[in-house]
Amino acid sequence: MRRNPEHTNVIEPEERLSHLDAGPIPNQNRVRQNAEVPGSDVSDELLREDGQRADSWLHYNKGAEQIGSSPANRITPETIEDLTLEYTVDTVNGLGDCVAEGQEANPTIVPGDPPVIYLSQGKMHVNALNARTGEGYWKFEYGIEEIDASGVRNRGVAVWKDTAYVAFPDETAVPPRLVAIDRYTGEQRWEVNLMTEEQREFDAPLADRLFITQEPMVYDGTVFIGQSSDKAAWTYLLAFDAETGEQRWKWQVGKPDEWVGETWQFSSGAAWMTPTVDPTSGTVFFSTTNPDPMLNGVVRPGPNKHTQSIVALDAETGERKWSHQMLAHELWDYDASNSPFVFDMEVDGEERRVVAQAGKVGWLYVFDAENGRLLERSAAFTRQDHWGEGFLNFPPAGEDNQKEMWPSFNGAHEWLPESYSPQTGLYYTGSNDNVMTVAYDSEWEYDSSKNYADSFAIGGYIGYPDTADVESRVAAIDPATGDIEWTHTLEDVPTDSPAGHPFTGGTTATAGGVVFHGSSGGHLVALDATTGDRLWRADTGGRIAAQPVVWDDPEAGTQYVAVTSNSEQLHVYGLEAEPGDE
């Protein structure tokens, strides 16, 4: 069905399903439709096969297990010189400086003839595009009349059957919500308020302190998602029926009976990024982040249970199978924020299912997926130094007593997706040396009326040195031994603005022996997966704060690589060649 490109389909608020309690709707949503999306429904089988298919990228970090590795193999160290720009897609939202940190969304690729790209972007928009040409099918615009500079982050769209799912918003006055869209027409089907009944009834302005940044995970008819916050709130891990939006279960991170006194009320423990599913055991893994206030642990005694942890839940019931806390009573905002990985690895002569995660602290952790036992902690892939007196030291008190902390709040590696290659057995991660000064506020007291603008959730003081020896790299780590096999320094990353900000994009491994990485210096870089040598790079014109997404189009005989950047464009590169050996 073809429609006038100027046609606007306005979805009236009263048409939404009121029983889902979506909360107040500030404005109208609309769809700008050029044509309906071609193709067929995304089945459960197709979602299960995503990790093994070269022609798709259906989950945030490729496959339910999220190992960030594509079986596509037309691009190799020998052929990559022929990789060229196919097209760009404008992602400008008229937000100006609001996108200073870079577009953060990964495209979702649904296979077909032609394949289809689903791409979210700032100001709560979703696009459906022809993956061969970049031509648009439709654009969904969520109805927010006013949005500030902090409210532009969105990291992706999930798909299941005939529906696309996106979570909005990030740091606006609107409660966070899950929105279901007809993936063929772009018309909204339903939306659900992601605040639980307990949170909506709580005597504190939690709607202003909870938000969503992640792409949802859809698996076996269930949407899994976690609440985000760095504003001294308390959070849940959630599951919803993918057909109706009805809540299936919820799991509170900071539980009142596991925290001292009333400290659970500012426990945070947010799940910033997409959870991971292990289909073999029916387990969903969430990574949870720091407790609040970040720098002041005096006011939250105890281990602050389930923060800075990998939490393994039964995907069907939400019952906890295990949790492992990587940093108890964490004091430095060293989030375990990025999505966990699930893969098979030899342990003591036997193949074991493992869960791995590398975050801000600068170590790769590897756990037994069945019971959470720590199997390996890698060598440090960042400079770890707290005021020249070791590492993981208690912050000093008082604004005038700030001391240097390596790494900074941005960490050795932030929320960006990483990758594991079954071909090389190596784990590829961005790696940063960055620094800031910190001290905690000994006068801090909990006040439910305060917000992040008051530096309330930091619980202290921060600053940046004028000069420092900072840099960014890509590091390859052997998860079985913890050894760092190689590092590649990113020469284009700015090191002077300020010293705490060196930052890298995500990594993507491929079966062709190439690792792609998005540099915050604006270059899409291709490295030899075995040696770390640079094979190729392209300037996107703006900071990359997302992951390169790779897919093979067998009908076109082409392998594609796509990445969003702060040039306010989606850049899509292609190479036409014969596929390599399986």
Foldseek 3Di string as FASTA:
>chain_A
DADDQADKDKDDPVVADCVQVQDDAPFIKIKRFGAFDDDFFCALVNLQCQQVAQFWQFDLQTHLLRFQEHQFAQDFLVFPVQWDFQDKFFQDDVQVCLQVVKAAADWGWAVDVFIWTWTAWFQTKIWIARQRHRHTGMMIHRDDPDDDSQWTAAYYWHGGGQWIKGWDTGQDLRAIKIWIARNGGRHTHHMHGPDDPCRVPDPFSCSRFKTAREYWDDHPQKTWGWIAGLWQAWIWTFIAGNVPRHTQDIDTQQDPVVWPDPSNRRQGQTQHYYWHADVVQQKIKTFTWGTFLQADLVVTDDQSGRRCKIWIARNRRRHTQDIDHPGGSHHALFTQHAYWGWDWDDDPNDIFIWIWTATQQFWIWIAGPRRGHTQDIADGLEDADWQNPGHRDRFAADPVPWGKGWQHSCGQAHHARWHADPVVQKTKGKGKTFMKTWHAYPPQDDDSHDTCVVVNGNRTDMGFDQDDDMFMWMWIANRNHNYTQDIGTDPLFDCVPPRNDQHWHYWHHYSSQWIWTFGQSQKTWIARNRYRHTSDIDGRPAGFHYYWDWHARVVQQKIKTWGTGPVSMIIIIIDRGHTDDD
